[in-house]
Amino acid sequence: MSDAATLNTLEFLSWLARAERRYGDVRHAWRSTCPRLSAWEDALDQGLVAFAEETARVSDATKVVLTARGRRMLDGARR
């Protein structure tokens, strides 16, 4: 991951950690047409975030949370 993408992902993780977020919030705030700055998709692919509920269908109301791996990455960046 490039430095810009890493910084963008860290900013996303920090944003997610500050308050409870729903999938609709994430899609609205973090959509991007630039494939190099896909913080949401990168974080999801890397297991840094996850959907809180294990359901077959995700809706805009589905909660998005940091995983333990995401928390470690964010905490490590803050040091």
PDB file of N, CA and C in Angstrom:
ATOM      1  N   MET A   1       0.851  -1.168   0.000  1.00  0.00           N
ATOM      2  CA  MET A   1       0.000   0.000   0.000  1.00  0.00           C
ATOM      3  C   MET A   1       0.900   1.235   0.000  1.00  0.00           C
ATOM      4  N   SER A   2       0.565   2.239  -0.807  1.00  0.00           N
ATOM      5  CA  SER A   2       1.363   3.456  -0.870  1.00  0.00           C
ATOM      6  C   SER A   2       1.196   4.270   0.410  1.00  0.00           C
ATOM      7  N   ASP A   3       2.097   5.225   0.616  1.00  0.00           N
ATOM      8  CA  ASP A   3       2.022   6.074   1.810  1.00  0.00           C
ATOM      9  C   ASP A   3       0.710   6.844   1.863  1.00  0.00           C
ATOM     10  N   ALA A   4       0.266   7.377   0.723  1.00  0.00           N
ATOM     11  CA  ALA A   4      -0.999   8.125   0.691  1.00  0.00           C
ATOM     12  C   ALA A   4      -2.173   7.212   1.034  1.00  0.00           C
ATOM     13  N   ALA A   5      -2.160   6.017   0.515  1.00  0.00           N
ATOM     14  CA  ALA A   5      -3.235   5.073   0.803  1.00  0.00           C
ATOM     15  C   ALA A   5      -3.209   4.667   2.276  1.00  0.00           C
ATOM     16  N   THR A   6      -2.021   4.467   2.835  1.00  0.00           N
ATOM     17  CA  THR A   6      -1.901   4.109   4.244  1.00  0.00           C
ATOM     18  C   THR A   6      -2.423   5.234   5.124  1.00  0.00           C
ATOM     19  N   LEU A   7      -2.046   6.462   4.830  1.00  0.00           N
ATOM     20  CA  LEU A   7      -2.530   7.609   5.600  1.00  0.00           C
ATOM     21  C   LEU A   7      -4.038   7.745   5.490  1.00  0.00           C
ATOM     22  N   ASN A   8      -4.562   7.535   4.304  1.00  0.00           N
ATOM     23  CA  ASN A   8      -6.007   7.609   4.093  1.00  0.00           C
ATOM     24  C   ASN A   8      -6.721   6.508   4.880  1.00  0.00           C
ATOM     25  N   THR A   9      -6.164   5.319   4.896  1.00  0.00           N
ATOM     26  CA  THR A   9      -6.750   4.219   5.658  1.00  0.00           C
ATOM     27  C   THR A   9      -6.701   4.521   7.153  1.00  0.00           C
ATOM     28  N   LEU A  10      -5.597   5.064   7.637  1.00  0.00           N
ATOM     29  CA  LEU A  10      -5.502   5.434   9.051  1.00  0.00           C
ATOM     30  C   LEU A  10      -6.514   6.515   9.412  1.00  0.00           C
ATOM     31  N   GLU A  11      -6.715   7.465   8.536  1.00  0.00           N
ATOM     32  CA  GLU A  11      -7.719   8.506   8.778  1.00  0.00           C
ATOM     33  C   GLU A  11      -9.118   7.886   8.841  1.00  0.00           C
ATOM     34  N   PHE A  12      -9.375   6.938   7.965  1.00  0.00           N
ATOM     35  CA  PHE A  12     -10.662   6.242   7.991  1.00  0.00           C
ATOM     36  C   PHE A  12     -10.846   5.488   9.304  1.00  0.00           C
ATOM     37  N   LEU A  13      -9.823   4.754   9.738  1.00  0.00           N
ATOM     38  CA  LEU A  13      -9.915   4.001  10.986  1.00  0.00           C
ATOM     39  C   LEU A  13     -10.141   4.943  12.166  1.00  0.00           C
ATOM     40  N   SER A  14      -9.461   6.067  12.172  1.00  0.00           N
ATOM     41  CA  SER A  14      -9.638   7.056  13.226  1.00  0.00           C
ATOM     42  C   SER A  14     -11.056   7.610  13.230  1.00  0.00           C
ATOM     43  N   TRP A  15     -11.586   7.908  12.068  1.00  0.00           N
ATOM     44  CA  TRP A  15     -12.966   8.397  11.920  1.00  0.00           C
ATOM     45  C   TRP A  15     -13.950   7.356  12.448  1.00  0.00           C
ATOM     46  N   LEU A  16     -13.716   6.109  12.111  1.00  0.00           N
ATOM     47  CA  LEU A  16     -14.604   5.030  12.542  1.00  0.00           C
ATOM     48  C   LEU A  16     -14.537   4.839  14.060  1.00  0.00           C
ATOM     49  N   ALA A  17     -13.367   5.024  14.643  1.00  0.00           N
ATOM     50  CA  ALA A  17     -13.185   4.816  16.082  1.00  0.00           C
ATOM     51  C   ALA A  17     -13.828   5.922  16.916  1.00  0.00           C
ATOM     52  N   ARG A  18     -14.027   7.099  16.341  1.00  0.00           N
ATOM     53  CA  ARG A  18     -14.546   8.236  17.107  1.00  0.00           C
ATOM     54  C   ARG A  18     -16.024   8.135  17.451  1.00  0.00           C
ATOM     55  N   ALA A  19     -16.796   7.397  16.678  1.00  0.00           N
ATOM     56  CA  ALA A  19     -18.238   7.313  16.929  1.00  0.00           C
ATOM     57  C   ALA A  19     -18.798   6.061  16.269  1.00  0.00           C
ATOM     58  N   GLU A  20     -19.982   5.654  16.723  1.00  0.00           N
ATOM     59  CA  GLU A  20     -20.645   4.517  16.091  1.00  0.00           C
ATOM     60  C   GLU A  20     -20.993   4.900  14.658  1.00  0.00           C
ATOM     61  N   ARG A  21     -20.679   4.029  13.727  1.00  0.00           N
ATOM     62  CA  ARG A  21     -20.923   4.303  12.301  1.00  0.00           C
ATOM     63  C   ARG A  21     -21.738   3.171  11.701  1.00  0.00           C
ATOM     64  N   ARG A  22     -22.572   3.536  10.787  1.00  0.00           N
ATOM     65  CA  ARG A  22     -23.389   2.593  10.030  1.00  0.00           C
ATOM     66  C   ARG A  22     -22.867   2.539   8.597  1.00  0.00           C
ATOM     67  N   TYR A  23     -23.183   1.456   7.899  1.00  0.00           N
ATOM     68  CA  TYR A  23     -22.715   1.270   6.526  1.00  0.00           C
ATOM     69  C   TYR A  23     -23.128   2.442   5.634  1.00  0.00           C
ATOM     70  N   GLY A  24     -24.332   2.956   5.810  1.00  0.00           N
ATOM     71  CA  GLY A  24     -24.776   4.104   5.022  1.00  0.00           C
ATOM     72  C   GLY A  24     -23.895   5.320   5.255  1.00  0.00           C
ATOM     73  N   ASP A  25     -23.476   5.539   6.503  1.00  0.00           N
ATOM     74  CA  ASP A  25     -22.569   6.647   6.831  1.00  0.00           C
ATOM     75  C   ASP A  25     -21.226   6.462   6.131  1.00  0.00           C
ATOM     76  N   VAL A  26     -20.716   5.244   6.193  1.00  0.00           N
ATOM     77  CA  VAL A  26     -19.419   4.933   5.585  1.00  0.00           C
ATOM     78  C   VAL A  26     -19.475   5.161   4.080  1.00  0.00           C
ATOM     79  N   ARG A  27     -20.501   4.630   3.436  1.00  0.00           N
ATOM     80  CA  ARG A  27     -20.618   4.790   1.981  1.00  0.00           C
ATOM     81  C   ARG A  27     -20.712   6.259   1.592  1.00  0.00           C
ATOM     82  N   HIS A  28     -21.451   7.027   2.359  1.00  0.00           N
ATOM     83  CA  HIS A  28     -21.626   8.445   2.038  1.00  0.00           C
ATOM     84  C   HIS A  28     -20.335   9.237   2.260  1.00  0.00           C
ATOM     85  N   ALA A  29     -19.687   9.021   3.391  1.00  0.00           N
ATOM     86  CA  ALA A  29     -18.520   9.820   3.755  1.00  0.00           C
ATOM     87  C   ALA A  29     -17.227   9.378   3.076  1.00  0.00           C
ATOM     88  N   TRP A  30     -17.106   8.102   2.726  1.00  0.00           N
ATOM     89  CA  TRP A  30     -15.836   7.581   2.243  1.00  0.00           C
ATOM     90  C   TRP A  30     -15.888   7.020   0.828  1.00  0.00           C
ATOM     91  N   ARG A  31     -16.869   7.399   0.055  1.00  0.00           N
ATOM     92  CA  ARG A  31     -16.876   6.928  -1.336  1.00  0.00           C
ATOM     93  C   ARG A  31     -15.756   7.636  -2.095  1.00  0.00           C
ATOM     94  N   SER A  32     -15.200   6.944  -3.054  1.00  0.00           N
ATOM     95  CA  SER A  32     -14.107   7.497  -3.838  1.00  0.00           C
ATOM     96  C   SER A  32     -14.125   6.891  -5.225  1.00  0.00           C
ATOM     97  N   THR A  33     -13.830   7.722  -6.202  1.00  0.00           N
ATOM     98  CA  THR A  33     -13.699   7.222  -7.565  1.00  0.00           C
ATOM     99  C   THR A  33     -12.238   6.988  -7.915  1.00  0.00           C
ATOM    100  N   CYS A  34     -11.357   7.293  -6.976  1.00  0.00           N
ATOM    101  CA  CYS A  34      -9.926   7.102  -7.195  1.00  0.00           C
ATOM    102  C   CYS A  34      -9.508   5.746  -6.636  1.00  0.00           C
ATOM    103  N   PRO A  35      -9.049   4.836  -7.496  1.00  0.00           N
ATOM    104  CA  PRO A  35      -8.669   3.502  -7.001  1.00  0.00           C
ATOM    105  C   PRO A  35      -7.480   3.522  -6.045  1.00  0.00           C
ATOM    106  N   ARG A  36      -6.713   4.605  -6.000  1.00  0.00           N
ATOM    107  CA  ARG A  36      -5.566   4.689  -5.091  1.00  0.00           C
ATOM    108  C   ARG A  36      -5.961   5.150  -3.693  1.00  0.00           C
ATOM    109  N   LEU A  37      -7.160   5.683  -3.539  1.00  0.00           N
ATOM    110  CA  LEU A  37      -7.601   6.195  -2.249  1.00  0.00           C
ATOM    111  C   LEU A  37      -8.899   5.532  -1.816  1.00  0.00           C
ATOM    112  N   SER A  38      -8.889   4.239  -1.805  1.00  0.00           N
ATOM    113  CA  SER A  38     -10.082   3.470  -1.461  1.00  0.00           C
ATOM    114  C   SER A  38      -9.983   2.971  -0.022  1.00  0.00           C
ATOM    115  N   ALA A  39      -9.990   3.898   0.924  1.00  0.00           N
ATOM    116  CA  ALA A  39      -9.760   3.561   2.333  1.00  0.00           C
ATOM    117  C   ALA A  39     -10.744   2.520   2.851  1.00  0.00           C
ATOM    118  N   TRP A  40     -12.010   2.706   2.554  1.00  0.00           N
ATOM    119  CA  TRP A  40     -13.039   1.770   3.024  1.00  0.00           C
ATOM    120  C   TRP A  40     -12.789   0.372   2.474  1.00  0.00           C
ATOM    121  N   GLU A  41     -12.594   0.269   1.172  1.00  0.00           N
ATOM    122  CA  GLU A  41     -12.392  -1.034   0.559  1.00  0.00           C
ATOM    123  C   GLU A  41     -11.091  -1.688   1.034  1.00  0.00           C
ATOM    124  N   ASP A  42     -10.027  -0.882   1.148  1.00  0.00           N
ATOM    125  CA  ASP A  42      -8.752  -1.416   1.622  1.00  0.00           C
ATOM    126  C   ASP A  42      -8.870  -1.947   3.049  1.00  0.00           C
ATOM    127  N   ALA A  43      -9.515  -1.169   3.910  1.00  0.00           N
ATOM    128  CA  ALA A  43      -9.664  -1.580   5.309  1.00  0.00           C
ATOM    129  C   ALA A  43     -10.492  -2.865   5.424  1.00  0.00           C
ATOM    130  N   LEU A  44     -11.532  -2.958   4.635  1.00  0.00           N
ATOM    131  CA  LEU A  44     -12.364  -4.157   4.651  1.00  0.00           C
ATOM    132  C   LEU A  44     -11.583  -5.368   4.135  1.00  0.00           C
ATOM    133  N   ASP A  45     -10.883  -5.198   3.019  1.00  0.00           N
ATOM    134  CA  ASP A  45     -10.092  -6.286   2.431  1.00  0.00           C
ATOM    135  C   ASP A  45      -8.989  -6.771   3.366  1.00  0.00           C
ATOM    136  N   GLN A  46      -8.411  -5.863   4.151  1.00  0.00           N
ATOM    137  CA  GLN A  46      -7.302  -6.203   5.038  1.00  0.00           C
ATOM    138  C   GLN A  46      -7.761  -6.694   6.406  1.00  0.00           C
ATOM    139  N   GLY A  47      -9.072  -6.768   6.605  1.00  0.00           N
ATOM    140  CA  GLY A  47      -9.582  -7.241   7.888  1.00  0.00           C
ATOM    141  C   GLY A  47      -9.441  -6.226   9.007  1.00  0.00           C
ATOM    142  N   LEU A  48      -9.359  -4.946   8.664  1.00  0.00           N
ATOM    143  CA  LEU A  48      -9.224  -3.890   9.669  1.00  0.00           C
ATOM    144  C   LEU A  48     -10.577  -3.446  10.203  1.00  0.00           C
ATOM    145  N   VAL A  49     -11.618  -3.654   9.417  1.00  0.00           N
ATOM    146  CA  VAL A  49     -12.993  -3.329   9.802  1.00  0.00           C
ATOM    147  C   VAL A  49     -13.888  -4.493   9.405  1.00  0.00           C
ATOM    148  N   ALA A  50     -15.073  -4.520  10.000  1.00  0.00           N
ATOM    149  CA  ALA A  50     -16.022  -5.590   9.693  1.00  0.00           C
ATOM    150  C   ALA A  50     -17.427  -5.093   9.984  1.00  0.00           C
ATOM    151  N   PHE A  51     -18.392  -5.817   9.466  1.00  0.00           N
ATOM    152  CA  PHE A  51     -19.783  -5.554   9.817  1.00  0.00           C
ATOM    153  C   PHE A  51     -20.040  -6.214  11.161  1.00  0.00           C
ATOM    154  N   ALA A  52     -20.705  -5.495  12.054  1.00  0.00           N
ATOM    155  CA  ALA A  52     -20.925  -6.000  13.414  1.00  0.00           C
ATOM    156  C   ALA A  52     -21.853  -7.204  13.430  1.00  0.00           C
ATOM    157  N   GLU A  53     -22.850  -7.203  12.577  1.00  0.00           N
ATOM    158  CA  GLU A  53     -23.815  -8.299  12.552  1.00  0.00           C
ATOM    159  C   GLU A  53     -23.472  -9.277  11.437  1.00  0.00           C
ATOM    160  N   GLU A  54     -23.582 -10.531  11.735  1.00  0.00           N
ATOM    161  CA  GLU A  54     -23.384 -11.583  10.735  1.00  0.00           C
ATOM    162  C   GLU A  54     -24.720 -11.849  10.061  1.00  0.00           C
ATOM    163  N   THR A  55     -24.992 -11.144   8.987  1.00  0.00           N
ATOM    164  CA  THR A  55     -26.246 -11.320   8.268  1.00  0.00           C
ATOM    165  C   THR A  55     -25.953 -11.588   6.801  1.00  0.00           C
ATOM    166  N   ALA A  56     -26.906 -12.174   6.146  1.00  0.00           N
ATOM    167  CA  ALA A  56     -26.748 -12.453   4.721  1.00  0.00           C
ATOM    168  C   ALA A  56     -26.852 -11.169   3.896  1.00  0.00           C
ATOM    169  N   ARG A  57     -27.596 -10.203   4.420  1.00  0.00           N
ATOM    170  CA  ARG A  57     -27.783  -8.940   3.699  1.00  0.00           C
ATOM    171  C   ARG A  57     -27.300  -7.781   4.556  1.00  0.00           C
ATOM    172  N   VAL A  58     -26.537  -6.905   3.932  1.00  0.00           N
ATOM    173  CA  VAL A  58     -26.062  -5.703   4.603  1.00  0.00           C
ATOM    174  C   VAL A  58     -26.943  -4.545   4.157  1.00  0.00           C
ATOM    175  N   SER A  59     -27.378  -3.748   5.119  1.00  0.00           N
ATOM    176  CA  SER A  59     -28.185  -2.571   4.791  1.00  0.00           C
ATOM    177  C   SER A  59     -27.450  -1.324   5.259  1.00  0.00           C
ATOM    178  N   ASP A  60     -27.984  -0.163   4.933  1.00  0.00           N
ATOM    179  CA  ASP A  60     -27.386   1.091   5.378  1.00  0.00           C
ATOM    180  C   ASP A  60     -27.356   1.198   6.896  1.00  0.00           C
ATOM    181  N   ALA A  61     -28.204   0.461   7.584  1.00  0.00           N
ATOM    182  CA  ALA A  61     -28.271   0.506   9.048  1.00  0.00           C
ATOM    183  C   ALA A  61     -27.291  -0.453   9.722  1.00  0.00           C
ATOM    184  N   THR A  62     -26.615  -1.297   8.954  1.00  0.00           N
ATOM    185  CA  THR A  62     -25.680  -2.261   9.525  1.00  0.00           C
ATOM    186  C   THR A  62     -24.471  -1.536  10.112  1.00  0.00           C
ATOM    187  N   LYS A  63     -24.136  -1.854  11.334  1.00  0.00           N
ATOM    188  CA  LYS A  63     -23.025  -1.218  12.035  1.00  0.00           C
ATOM    189  C   LYS A  63     -21.688  -1.711  11.496  1.00  0.00           C
ATOM    190  N   VAL A  64     -20.732  -0.795  11.341  1.00  0.00           N
ATOM    191  CA  VAL A  64     -19.370  -1.100  10.913  1.00  0.00           C
ATOM    192  C   VAL A  64     -18.450  -0.844  12.104  1.00  0.00           C
ATOM    193  N   VAL A  65     -17.563  -1.781  12.393  1.00  0.00           N
ATOM    194  CA  VAL A  65     -16.695  -1.676  13.569  1.00  0.00           C
ATOM    195  C   VAL A  65     -15.240  -1.981  13.203  1.00  0.00           C
ATOM    196  N   LEU A  66     -14.351  -1.473  14.044  1.00  0.00           N
ATOM    197  CA  LEU A  66     -12.943  -1.843  13.932  1.00  0.00           C
ATOM    198  C   LEU A  66     -12.767  -3.277  14.410  1.00  0.00           C
ATOM    199  N   THR A  67     -11.931  -4.029  13.753  1.00  0.00           N
ATOM    200  CA  THR A  67     -11.557  -5.347  14.243  1.00  0.00           C
ATOM    201  C   THR A  67     -10.368  -5.175  15.190  1.00  0.00           C
ATOM    202  N   ALA A  68      -9.968  -6.234  15.849  1.00  0.00           N
ATOM    203  CA  ALA A  68      -8.789  -6.172  16.717  1.00  0.00           C
ATOM    204  C   ALA A  68      -7.557  -5.763  15.903  1.00  0.00           C
ATOM    205  N   ARG A  69      -7.460  -6.269  14.703  1.00  0.00           N
ATOM    206  CA  ARG A  69      -6.330  -5.909  13.822  1.00  0.00           C
ATOM    207  C   ARG A  69      -6.364  -4.426  13.472  1.00  0.00           C
ATOM    208  N   GLY A  70      -7.546  -3.905  13.190  1.00  0.00           N
ATOM    209  CA  GLY A  70      -7.692  -2.489  12.885  1.00  0.00           C
ATOM    210  C   GLY A  70      -7.335  -1.620  14.069  1.00  0.00           C
ATOM    211  N   ARG A  71      -7.748  -2.037  15.263  1.00  0.00           N
ATOM    212  CA  ARG A  71      -7.421  -1.293  16.492  1.00  0.00           C
ATOM    213  C   ARG A  71      -5.919  -1.276  16.713  1.00  0.00           C
ATOM    214  N   ARG A  72      -5.240  -2.433  16.487  1.00  0.00           N
ATOM    215  CA  ARG A  72      -3.786  -2.484  16.655  1.00  0.00           C
ATOM    216  C   ARG A  72      -3.087  -1.552  15.670  1.00  0.00           C
ATOM    217  N   MET A  73      -3.540  -1.527  14.425  1.00  0.00           N
ATOM    218  CA  MET A  73      -2.934  -0.651  13.424  1.00  0.00           C
ATOM    219  C   MET A  73      -3.106   0.811  13.825  1.00  0.00           C
ATOM    220  N   LEU A  74      -4.303   1.173  14.251  1.00  0.00           N
ATOM    221  CA  LEU A  74      -4.577   2.548  14.648  1.00  0.00           C
ATOM    222  C   LEU A  74      -3.770   2.922  15.889  1.00  0.00           C
ATOM    223  N   ASP A  75      -3.738   2.052  16.882  1.00  0.00           N
ATOM    224  CA  ASP A  75      -2.962   2.329  18.100  1.00  0.00           C
ATOM    225  C   ASP A  75      -1.471   2.438  17.803  1.00  0.00           C
ATOM    226  N   GLY A  76      -0.970   1.599  16.919  1.00  0.00           N
ATOM    227  CA  GLY A  76       0.440   1.655  16.541  1.00  0.00           C
ATOM    228  C   GLY A  76       0.795   2.944  15.828  1.00  0.00           C
ATOM    229  N   ALA A  77      -0.107   3.463  15.033  1.00  0.00           N
ATOM    230  CA  ALA A  77       0.134   4.710  14.315  1.00  0.00           C
ATOM    231  C   ALA A  77       0.101   5.910  15.243  1.00  0.00           C
ATOM    232  N   ARG A  78      -0.612   5.803  16.337  1.00  0.00           N
ATOM    233  CA  ARG A  78      -0.724   6.918  17.284  1.00  0.00           C
ATOM    234  C   ARG A  78       0.495   7.038  18.189  1.00  0.00           C
ATOM    235  N   ARG A  79       1.323   6.019  18.240  1.00  0.00           N
ATOM    236  CA  ARG A  79       2.505   6.031  19.113  1.00  0.00           C
ATOM    237  C   ARG A  79       3.634   6.778  18.497  1.00  0.00           C
TER     238      ARG A  79
END
